[in-house]
Amino acid sequence: MRHDRRGYAILMNSRGLCVFYDGEKCRCKAYRYRPSGCRIYSVVYSEDEGIIVDDLCPMKNTVSKGELESKGKKVIGVLRMIDEDAAGRIHT
């Protein structure tokens, strides 16, 4: 895994797409075992608005209020883990 100079993990992409995306079949190669970030998408954190549905997601209108709330809690948890990991990398 690669990290930026602040210690944050960088998502691995290939040709601008997720490394798990199968362009020929137009689907995720790791769907069953996809990472947490993929499982909670299209719910994201905006520094200006807080927990929101990503406006870029073509399925944005299908996210229920309950799904936004439950996935939003997971987004906050993932962000905390990322911050703790980055802080540990900077201090070591």
PDB file of N, CA and C in Angstrom:
ATOM      1  N   MET A   1       0.844  -1.170   0.000  1.00  0.00           N
ATOM      2  CA  MET A   1       0.000   0.000   0.000  1.00  0.00           C
ATOM      3  C   MET A   1       0.891   1.236   0.000  1.00  0.00           C
ATOM      4  N   ARG A   2       0.491   2.235  -0.779  1.00  0.00           N
ATOM      5  CA  ARG A   2       1.241   3.493  -0.825  1.00  0.00           C
ATOM      6  C   ARG A   2       0.587   4.513   0.103  1.00  0.00           C
ATOM      7  N   HIS A   3       1.396   5.480   0.560  1.00  0.00           N
ATOM      8  CA  HIS A   3       0.908   6.536   1.452  1.00  0.00           C
ATOM      9  C   HIS A   3       1.418   7.884   0.945  1.00  0.00           C
ATOM     10  N   ASP A   4       0.612   8.926   1.151  1.00  0.00           N
ATOM     11  CA  ASP A   4       1.069  10.258   0.771  1.00  0.00           C
ATOM     12  C   ASP A   4       2.001  10.809   1.842  1.00  0.00           C
ATOM     13  N   ARG A   5       2.520  12.008   1.636  1.00  0.00           N
ATOM     14  CA  ARG A   5       3.514  12.554   2.574  1.00  0.00           C
ATOM     15  C   ARG A   5       2.935  12.879   3.947  1.00  0.00           C
ATOM     16  N   ARG A   6       1.598  12.943   4.042  1.00  0.00           N
ATOM     17  CA  ARG A   6       0.962  13.171   5.341  1.00  0.00           C
ATOM     18  C   ARG A   6       0.667  11.859   6.063  1.00  0.00           C
ATOM     19  N   GLY A   7       0.945  10.711   5.417  1.00  0.00           N
ATOM     20  CA  GLY A   7       0.727   9.415   6.044  1.00  0.00           C
ATOM     21  C   GLY A   7      -0.577   8.745   5.677  1.00  0.00           C
ATOM     22  N   TYR A   8      -1.403   9.377   4.816  1.00  0.00           N
ATOM     23  CA  TYR A   8      -2.688   8.794   4.438  1.00  0.00           C
ATOM     24  C   TYR A   8      -2.516   7.771   3.322  1.00  0.00           C
ATOM     25  N   ALA A   9      -3.276   6.678   3.412  1.00  0.00           N
ATOM     26  CA  ALA A   9      -3.224   5.631   2.384  1.00  0.00           C
ATOM     27  C   ALA A   9      -3.760   6.178   1.071  1.00  0.00           C
ATOM     28  N   ILE A  10      -3.165   5.744  -0.023  1.00  0.00           N
ATOM     29  CA  ILE A  10      -3.579   6.154  -1.360  1.00  0.00           C
ATOM     30  C   ILE A  10      -4.212   4.955  -2.047  1.00  0.00           C
ATOM     31  N   LEU A  11      -5.420   5.150  -2.571  1.00  0.00           N
ATOM     32  CA  LEU A  11      -6.120   4.082  -3.281  1.00  0.00           C
ATOM     33  C   LEU A  11      -5.367   3.728  -4.549  1.00  0.00           C
ATOM     34  N   MET A  12      -5.179   2.458  -4.774  1.00  0.00           N
ATOM     35  CA  MET A  12      -4.475   2.002  -5.966  1.00  0.00           C
ATOM     36  C   MET A  12      -5.427   1.983  -7.154  1.00  0.00           C
ATOM     37  N   ASN A  13      -5.086   2.717  -8.194  1.00  0.00           N
ATOM     38  CA  ASN A  13      -5.868   2.739  -9.423  1.00  0.00           C
ATOM     39  C   ASN A  13      -4.996   2.304 -10.584  1.00  0.00           C
ATOM     40  N   SER A  14      -5.641   1.884 -11.644  1.00  0.00           N
ATOM     41  CA  SER A  14      -4.951   1.509 -12.867  1.00  0.00           C
ATOM     42  C   SER A  14      -5.680   2.180 -14.025  1.00  0.00           C
ATOM     43  N   ARG A  15      -4.965   3.039 -14.730  1.00  0.00           N
ATOM     44  CA  ARG A  15      -5.556   3.782 -15.853  1.00  0.00           C
ATOM     45  C   ARG A  15      -6.784   4.579 -15.425  1.00  0.00           C
ATOM     46  N   GLY A  16      -6.736   5.134 -14.228  1.00  0.00           N
ATOM     47  CA  GLY A  16      -7.822   5.966 -13.743  1.00  0.00           C
ATOM     48  C   GLY A  16      -9.007   5.222 -13.168  1.00  0.00           C
ATOM     49  N   LEU A  17      -8.939   3.893 -13.117  1.00  0.00           N
ATOM     50  CA  LEU A  17     -10.032   3.073 -12.582  1.00  0.00           C
ATOM     51  C   LEU A  17      -9.544   2.247 -11.407  1.00  0.00           C
ATOM     52  N   CYS A  18     -10.461   1.833 -10.576  1.00  0.00           N
ATOM     53  CA  CYS A  18     -10.144   0.965  -9.458  1.00  0.00           C
ATOM     54  C   CYS A  18      -9.455  -0.306  -9.974  1.00  0.00           C
ATOM     55  N   VAL A  19      -8.458  -0.777  -9.234  1.00  0.00           N
ATOM     56  CA  VAL A  19      -7.736  -1.974  -9.650  1.00  0.00           C
ATOM     57  C   VAL A  19      -8.628  -3.214  -9.661  1.00  0.00           C
ATOM     58  N   PHE A  20      -9.767  -3.173  -8.973  1.00  0.00           N
ATOM     59  CA  PHE A  20     -10.689  -4.309  -8.943  1.00  0.00           C
ATOM     60  C   PHE A  20     -11.724  -4.277 -10.060  1.00  0.00           C
ATOM     61  N   TYR A  21     -11.753  -3.201 -10.837  1.00  0.00           N
ATOM     62  CA  TYR A  21     -12.776  -3.054 -11.874  1.00  0.00           C
ATOM     63  C   TYR A  21     -12.391  -3.830 -13.125  1.00  0.00           C
ATOM     64  N   ASP A  22     -13.298  -4.691 -13.572  1.00  0.00           N
ATOM     65  CA  ASP A  22     -13.114  -5.454 -14.801  1.00  0.00           C
ATOM     66  C   ASP A  22     -13.829  -4.697 -15.920  1.00  0.00           C
ATOM     67  N   GLY A  23     -13.047  -3.973 -16.728  1.00  0.00           N
ATOM     68  CA  GLY A  23     -13.611  -3.154 -17.792  1.00  0.00           C
ATOM     69  C   GLY A  23     -14.321  -3.942 -18.868  1.00  0.00           C
ATOM     70  N   GLU A  24     -13.866  -5.143 -19.131  1.00  0.00           N
ATOM     71  CA  GLU A  24     -14.503  -5.970 -20.163  1.00  0.00           C
ATOM     72  C   GLU A  24     -15.897  -6.427 -19.738  1.00  0.00           C
ATOM     73  N   LYS A  25     -16.037  -6.776 -18.463  1.00  0.00           N
ATOM     74  CA  LYS A  25     -17.324  -7.267 -17.955  1.00  0.00           C
ATOM     75  C   LYS A  25     -18.129  -6.168 -17.254  1.00  0.00           C
ATOM     76  N   CYS A  26     -17.524  -4.965 -17.126  1.00  0.00           N
ATOM     77  CA  CYS A  26     -18.170  -3.820 -16.469  1.00  0.00           C
ATOM     78  C   CYS A  26     -18.676  -4.173 -15.064  1.00  0.00           C
ATOM     79  N   ARG A  27     -17.793  -4.775 -14.290  1.00  0.00           N
ATOM     80  CA  ARG A  27     -18.170  -5.132 -12.925  1.00  0.00           C
ATOM     81  C   ARG A  27     -16.927  -5.251 -12.052  1.00  0.00           C
ATOM     82  N   CYS A  28     -17.171  -5.338 -10.767  1.00  0.00           N
ATOM     83  CA  CYS A  28     -16.103  -5.459  -9.781  1.00  0.00           C
ATOM     84  C   CYS A  28     -15.626  -6.905  -9.700  1.00  0.00           C
ATOM     85  N   LYS A  29     -14.309  -7.089  -9.778  1.00  0.00           N
ATOM     86  CA  LYS A  29     -13.736  -8.438  -9.679  1.00  0.00           C
ATOM     87  C   LYS A  29     -13.701  -8.937  -8.237  1.00  0.00           C
ATOM     88  N   ALA A  30     -13.807  -8.025  -7.286  1.00  0.00           N
ATOM     89  CA  ALA A  30     -13.704  -8.404  -5.872  1.00  0.00           C
ATOM     90  C   ALA A  30     -14.990  -8.078  -5.114  1.00  0.00           C
ATOM     91  N   TYR A  31     -16.121  -8.017  -5.810  1.00  0.00           N
ATOM     92  CA  TYR A  31     -17.359  -7.538  -5.205  1.00  0.00           C
ATOM     93  C   TYR A  31     -17.685  -8.249  -3.891  1.00  0.00           C
ATOM     94  N   ARG A  32     -17.606  -9.550  -3.898  1.00  0.00           N
ATOM     95  CA  ARG A  32     -17.933 -10.321  -2.695  1.00  0.00           C
ATOM     96  C   ARG A  32     -17.005  -9.982  -1.526  1.00  0.00           C
ATOM     97  N   TYR A  33     -15.765  -9.631  -1.839  1.00  0.00           N
ATOM     98  CA  TYR A  33     -14.750  -9.358  -0.817  1.00  0.00           C
ATOM     99  C   TYR A  33     -14.284  -7.902  -0.854  1.00  0.00           C
ATOM    100  N   ARG A  34     -15.103  -7.019  -1.375  1.00  0.00           N
ATOM    101  CA  ARG A  34     -14.702  -5.626  -1.575  1.00  0.00           C
ATOM    102  C   ARG A  34     -14.382  -4.935  -0.248  1.00  0.00           C
ATOM    103  N   PRO A  35     -13.507  -3.934  -0.334  1.00  0.00           N
ATOM    104  CA  PRO A  35     -13.110  -3.195   0.867  1.00  0.00           C
ATOM    105  C   PRO A  35     -14.271  -2.403   1.473  1.00  0.00           C
ATOM    106  N   SER A  36     -14.116  -2.018   2.717  1.00  0.00           N
ATOM    107  CA  SER A  36     -15.151  -1.261   3.432  1.00  0.00           C
ATOM    108  C   SER A  36     -15.552   0.007   2.689  1.00  0.00           C
ATOM    109  N   GLY A  37     -14.584   0.705   2.131  1.00  0.00           N
ATOM    110  CA  GLY A  37     -14.891   1.937   1.408  1.00  0.00           C
ATOM    111  C   GLY A  37     -15.852   1.706   0.258  1.00  0.00           C
ATOM    112  N   CYS A  38     -15.709   0.569  -0.402  1.00  0.00           N
ATOM    113  CA  CYS A  38     -16.612   0.229  -1.502  1.00  0.00           C
ATOM    114  C   CYS A  38     -17.997  -0.158  -0.975  1.00  0.00           C
ATOM    115  N   ARG A  39     -18.024  -0.807   0.164  1.00  0.00           N
ATOM    116  CA  ARG A  39     -19.306  -1.235   0.741  1.00  0.00           C
ATOM    117  C   ARG A  39     -20.153  -0.056   1.198  1.00  0.00           C
ATOM    118  N   ILE A  40     -19.515   1.019   1.654  1.00  0.00           N
ATOM    119  CA  ILE A  40     -20.277   2.159   2.157  1.00  0.00           C
ATOM    120  C   ILE A  40     -20.510   3.246   1.104  1.00  0.00           C
ATOM    121  N   TYR A  41     -19.830   3.145  -0.017  1.00  0.00           N
ATOM    122  CA  TYR A  41     -20.057   4.123  -1.088  1.00  0.00           C
ATOM    123  C   TYR A  41     -21.482   3.986  -1.583  1.00  0.00           C
ATOM    124  N   SER A  42     -22.165   4.916  -1.820  1.00  0.00           N
ATOM    125  CA  SER A  42     -21.999   6.288  -2.248  1.00  0.00           C
ATOM    126  C   SER A  42     -22.156   7.303  -1.129  1.00  0.00           C
ATOM    127  N   VAL A  43     -22.149   6.833   0.095  1.00  0.00           N
ATOM    128  CA  VAL A  43     -22.181   7.732   1.243  1.00  0.00           C
ATOM    129  C   VAL A  43     -20.735   8.148   1.528  1.00  0.00           C
ATOM    130  N   VAL A  44     -20.521   9.475   1.551  1.00  0.00           N
ATOM    131  CA  VAL A  44     -19.172  10.016   1.717  1.00  0.00           C
ATOM    132  C   VAL A  44     -19.203  11.163   2.718  1.00  0.00           C
ATOM    133  N   TYR A  45     -18.002  11.625   3.079  1.00  0.00           N
ATOM    134  CA  TYR A  45     -17.884  12.774   3.977  1.00  0.00           C
ATOM    135  C   TYR A  45     -17.427  13.981   3.178  1.00  0.00           C
ATOM    136  N   SER A  46     -18.132  15.083   3.340  1.00  0.00           N
ATOM    137  CA  SER A  46     -17.773  16.365   2.739  1.00  0.00           C
ATOM    138  C   SER A  46     -17.349  17.301   3.859  1.00  0.00           C
ATOM    139  N   GLU A  47     -16.182  17.925   3.715  1.00  0.00           N
ATOM    140  CA  GLU A  47     -15.729  18.853   4.753  1.00  0.00           C
ATOM    141  C   GLU A  47     -16.695  20.017   4.918  1.00  0.00           C
ATOM    142  N   ASP A  48     -17.411  20.387   3.863  1.00  0.00           N
ATOM    143  CA  ASP A  48     -18.358  21.502   3.932  1.00  0.00           C
ATOM    144  C   ASP A  48     -19.734  21.089   4.451  1.00  0.00           C
ATOM    145  N   GLU A  49     -20.161  19.845   4.134  1.00  0.00           N
ATOM    146  CA  GLU A  49     -21.532  19.435   4.425  1.00  0.00           C
ATOM    147  C   GLU A  49     -21.674  18.278   5.407  1.00  0.00           C
ATOM    148  N   GLY A  50     -20.594  17.600   5.725  1.00  0.00           N
ATOM    149  CA  GLY A  50     -20.669  16.430   6.598  1.00  0.00           C
ATOM    150  C   GLY A  50     -20.975  15.176   5.784  1.00  0.00           C
ATOM    151  N   ILE A  51     -21.785  14.279   6.331  1.00  0.00           N
ATOM    152  CA  ILE A  51     -22.129  13.026   5.655  1.00  0.00           C
ATOM    153  C   ILE A  51     -23.171  13.310   4.575  1.00  0.00           C
ATOM    154  N   ILE A  52     -22.854  12.930   3.340  1.00  0.00           N
ATOM    155  CA  ILE A  52     -23.749  13.161   2.204  1.00  0.00           C
ATOM    156  C   ILE A  52     -23.698  11.960   1.261  1.00  0.00           C
ATOM    157  N   VAL A  53     -24.577  11.960   0.279  1.00  0.00           N
ATOM    158  CA  VAL A  53     -24.512  10.995  -0.814  1.00  0.00           C
ATOM    159  C   VAL A  53     -23.705  11.653  -1.925  1.00  0.00           C
ATOM    160  N   ASP A  54     -22.701  10.949  -2.431  1.00  0.00           N
ATOM    161  CA  ASP A  54     -21.838  11.484  -3.477  1.00  0.00           C
ATOM    162  C   ASP A  54     -22.665  11.829  -4.708  1.00  0.00           C
ATOM    163  N   ASP A  55     -22.621  13.082  -5.096  1.00  0.00           N
ATOM    164  CA  ASP A  55     -23.392  13.556  -6.233  1.00  0.00           C
ATOM    165  C   ASP A  55     -22.922  12.932  -7.555  1.00  0.00           C
ATOM    166  N   LEU A  56     -21.705  12.396  -7.572  1.00  0.00           N
ATOM    167  CA  LEU A  56     -21.177  11.777  -8.786  1.00  0.00           C
ATOM    168  C   LEU A  56     -21.693  10.355  -9.011  1.00  0.00           C
ATOM    169  N   CYS A  57     -22.264   9.754  -7.980  1.00  0.00           N
ATOM    170  CA  CYS A  57     -22.729   8.370  -8.073  1.00  0.00           C
ATOM    171  C   CYS A  57     -24.014   8.299  -8.902  1.00  0.00           C
ATOM    172  N   PRO A  58     -24.037   7.440  -9.924  1.00  0.00           N
ATOM    173  CA  PRO A  58     -25.249   7.318 -10.737  1.00  0.00           C
ATOM    174  C   PRO A  58     -26.437   6.728  -9.977  1.00  0.00           C
ATOM    175  N   MET A  59     -26.186   6.086  -8.835  1.00  0.00           N
ATOM    176  CA  MET A  59     -27.262   5.487  -8.047  1.00  0.00           C
ATOM    177  C   MET A  59     -27.614   6.338  -6.828  1.00  0.00           C
ATOM    178  N   LYS A  60     -27.214   7.601  -6.832  1.00  0.00           N
ATOM    179  CA  LYS A  60     -27.387   8.471  -5.661  1.00  0.00           C
ATOM    180  C   LYS A  60     -28.832   8.590  -5.193  1.00  0.00           C
ATOM    181  N   ASN A  61     -29.778   8.489  -6.090  1.00  0.00           N
ATOM    182  CA  ASN A  61     -31.190   8.644  -5.729  1.00  0.00           C
ATOM    183  C   ASN A  61     -31.792   7.403  -5.081  1.00  0.00           C
ATOM    184  N   THR A  62     -31.030   6.336  -4.992  1.00  0.00           N
ATOM    185  CA  THR A  62     -31.548   5.100  -4.401  1.00  0.00           C
ATOM    186  C   THR A  62     -31.182   4.944  -2.930  1.00  0.00           C
ATOM    187  N   VAL A  63     -30.389   5.862  -2.393  1.00  0.00           N
ATOM    188  CA  VAL A  63     -29.933   5.763  -1.007  1.00  0.00           C
ATOM    189  C   VAL A  63     -31.028   6.277  -0.074  1.00  0.00           C
ATOM    190  N   SER A  64     -31.503   5.402   0.808  1.00  0.00           N
ATOM    191  CA  SER A  64     -32.561   5.774   1.751  1.00  0.00           C
ATOM    192  C   SER A  64     -31.976   6.581   2.913  1.00  0.00           C
ATOM    193  N   LYS A  65     -32.847   7.232   3.652  1.00  0.00           N
ATOM    194  CA  LYS A  65     -32.424   7.998   4.818  1.00  0.00           C
ATOM    195  C   LYS A  65     -31.756   7.082   5.850  1.00  0.00           C
ATOM    196  N   GLY A  66     -32.309   5.892   6.040  1.00  0.00           N
ATOM    197  CA  GLY A  66     -31.728   4.934   6.975  1.00  0.00           C
ATOM    198  C   GLY A  66     -30.362   4.456   6.527  1.00  0.00           C
ATOM    199  N   GLU A  67     -30.216   4.208   5.223  1.00  0.00           N
ATOM    200  CA  GLU A  67     -28.930   3.776   4.682  1.00  0.00           C
ATOM    201  C   GLU A  67     -27.898   4.890   4.827  1.00  0.00           C
ATOM    202  N   LEU A  68     -28.320   6.133   4.584  1.00  0.00           N
ATOM    203  CA  LEU A  68     -27.420   7.275   4.743  1.00  0.00           C
ATOM    204  C   LEU A  68     -26.932   7.361   6.191  1.00  0.00           C
ATOM    205  N   GLU A  69     -27.829   7.155   7.129  1.00  0.00           N
ATOM    206  CA  GLU A  69     -27.465   7.224   8.544  1.00  0.00           C
ATOM    207  C   GLU A  69     -26.525   6.084   8.950  1.00  0.00           C
ATOM    208  N   SER A  70     -26.867   4.845   8.577  1.00  0.00           N
ATOM    209  CA  SER A  70     -26.038   3.706   9.002  1.00  0.00           C
ATOM    210  C   SER A  70     -24.672   3.713   8.302  1.00  0.00           C
ATOM    211  N   LYS A  71     -24.655   4.019   7.010  1.00  0.00           N
ATOM    212  CA  LYS A  71     -23.374   4.076   6.309  1.00  0.00           C
ATOM    213  C   LYS A  71     -22.573   5.292   6.743  1.00  0.00           C
ATOM    214  N   GLY A  72     -23.275   6.376   7.110  1.00  0.00           N
ATOM    215  CA  GLY A  72     -22.582   7.565   7.601  1.00  0.00           C
ATOM    216  C   GLY A  72     -21.778   7.269   8.857  1.00  0.00           C
ATOM    217  N   LYS A  73     -22.335   6.453   9.751  1.00  0.00           N
ATOM    218  CA  LYS A  73     -21.610   6.057  10.968  1.00  0.00           C
ATOM    219  C   LYS A  73     -20.352   5.267  10.603  1.00  0.00           C
ATOM    220  N   LYS A  74     -20.468   4.434   9.575  1.00  0.00           N
ATOM    221  CA  LYS A  74     -19.303   3.651   9.133  1.00  0.00           C
ATOM    222  C   LYS A  74     -18.254   4.561   8.506  1.00  0.00           C
ATOM    223  N   VAL A  75     -18.702   5.566   7.739  1.00  0.00           N
ATOM    224  CA  VAL A  75     -17.767   6.521   7.142  1.00  0.00           C
ATOM    225  C   VAL A  75     -16.955   7.209   8.244  1.00  0.00           C
ATOM    226  N   ILE A  76     -17.627   7.667   9.284  1.00  0.00           N
ATOM    227  CA  ILE A  76     -16.940   8.328  10.402  1.00  0.00           C
ATOM    228  C   ILE A  76     -15.939   7.374  11.045  1.00  0.00           C
ATOM    229  N   GLY A  77     -16.322   6.109  11.221  1.00  0.00           N
ATOM    230  CA  GLY A  77     -15.407   5.121  11.790  1.00  0.00           C
ATOM    231  C   GLY A  77     -14.179   4.899  10.927  1.00  0.00           C
ATOM    232  N   VAL A  78     -14.384   4.811   9.622  1.00  0.00           N
ATOM    233  CA  VAL A  78     -13.255   4.625   8.702  1.00  0.00           C
ATOM    234  C   VAL A  78     -12.348   5.847   8.743  1.00  0.00           C
ATOM    235  N   LEU A  79     -12.933   7.035   8.767  1.00  0.00           N
ATOM    236  CA  LEU A  79     -12.120   8.252   8.838  1.00  0.00           C
ATOM    237  C   LEU A  79     -11.287   8.299  10.114  1.00  0.00           C
ATOM    238  N   ARG A  80     -11.864   7.859  11.223  1.00  0.00           N
ATOM    239  CA  ARG A  80     -11.101   7.813  12.486  1.00  0.00           C
ATOM    240  C   ARG A  80      -9.911   6.852  12.371  1.00  0.00           C
ATOM    241  N   MET A  81     -10.160   5.678  11.771  1.00  0.00           N
ATOM    242  CA  MET A  81      -9.070   4.708  11.595  1.00  0.00           C
ATOM    243  C   MET A  81      -7.984   5.277  10.700  1.00  0.00           C
ATOM    244  N   ILE A  82      -8.362   5.957   9.626  1.00  0.00           N
ATOM    245  CA  ILE A  82      -7.383   6.555   8.709  1.00  0.00           C
ATOM    246  C   ILE A  82      -6.565   7.607   9.439  1.00  0.00           C
ATOM    247  N   ASP A  83      -7.241   8.459  10.212  1.00  0.00           N
ATOM    248  CA  ASP A  83      -6.521   9.488  10.961  1.00  0.00           C
ATOM    249  C   ASP A  83      -5.554   8.881  11.973  1.00  0.00           C
ATOM    250  N   GLU A  84      -5.987   7.836  12.677  1.00  0.00           N
ATOM    251  CA  GLU A  84      -5.113   7.184  13.659  1.00  0.00           C
ATOM    252  C   GLU A  84      -3.918   6.535  12.979  1.00  0.00           C
ATOM    253  N   ASP A  85      -4.148   5.898  11.831  1.00  0.00           N
ATOM    254  CA  ASP A  85      -3.060   5.262  11.080  1.00  0.00           C
ATOM    255  C   ASP A  85      -2.076   6.311  10.577  1.00  0.00           C
ATOM    256  N   ALA A  86      -2.602   7.408  10.037  1.00  0.00           N
ATOM    257  CA  ALA A  86      -1.734   8.469   9.536  1.00  0.00           C
ATOM    258  C   ALA A  86      -0.927   9.097  10.661  1.00  0.00           C
ATOM    259  N   ALA A  87      -1.560   9.324  11.808  1.00  0.00           N
ATOM    260  CA  ALA A  87      -0.862   9.916  12.949  1.00  0.00           C
ATOM    261  C   ALA A  87       0.253   8.987  13.415  1.00  0.00           C
ATOM    262  N   GLY A  88      -0.007   7.691  13.424  1.00  0.00           N
ATOM    263  CA  GLY A  88       1.028   6.726  13.828  1.00  0.00           C
ATOM    264  C   GLY A  88       2.201   6.706  12.879  1.00  0.00           C
ATOM    265  N   ARG A  89       1.948   6.884  11.605  1.00  0.00           N
ATOM    266  CA  ARG A  89       3.019   6.893  10.611  1.00  0.00           C
ATOM    267  C   ARG A  89       3.888   8.154  10.725  1.00  0.00           C
ATOM    268  N   ILE A  90       3.264   9.249  11.079  1.00  0.00           N
ATOM    269  CA  ILE A  90       3.995  10.506  11.213  1.00  0.00           C
ATOM    270  C   ILE A  90       4.870  10.493  12.461  1.00  0.00           C
ATOM    271  N   HIS A  91       4.389   9.877  13.529  1.00  0.00           N
ATOM    272  CA  HIS A  91       5.116   9.896  14.809  1.00  0.00           C
ATOM    273  C   HIS A  91       6.125   8.771  14.952  1.00  0.00           C
ATOM    274  N   THR A  92       6.193   7.855  14.000  1.00  0.00           N
ATOM    275  CA  THR A  92       7.155   6.759  14.112  1.00  0.00           C
ATOM    276  C   THR A  92       8.345   6.970  13.226  1.00  0.00           C
TER     277      THR A  92
END
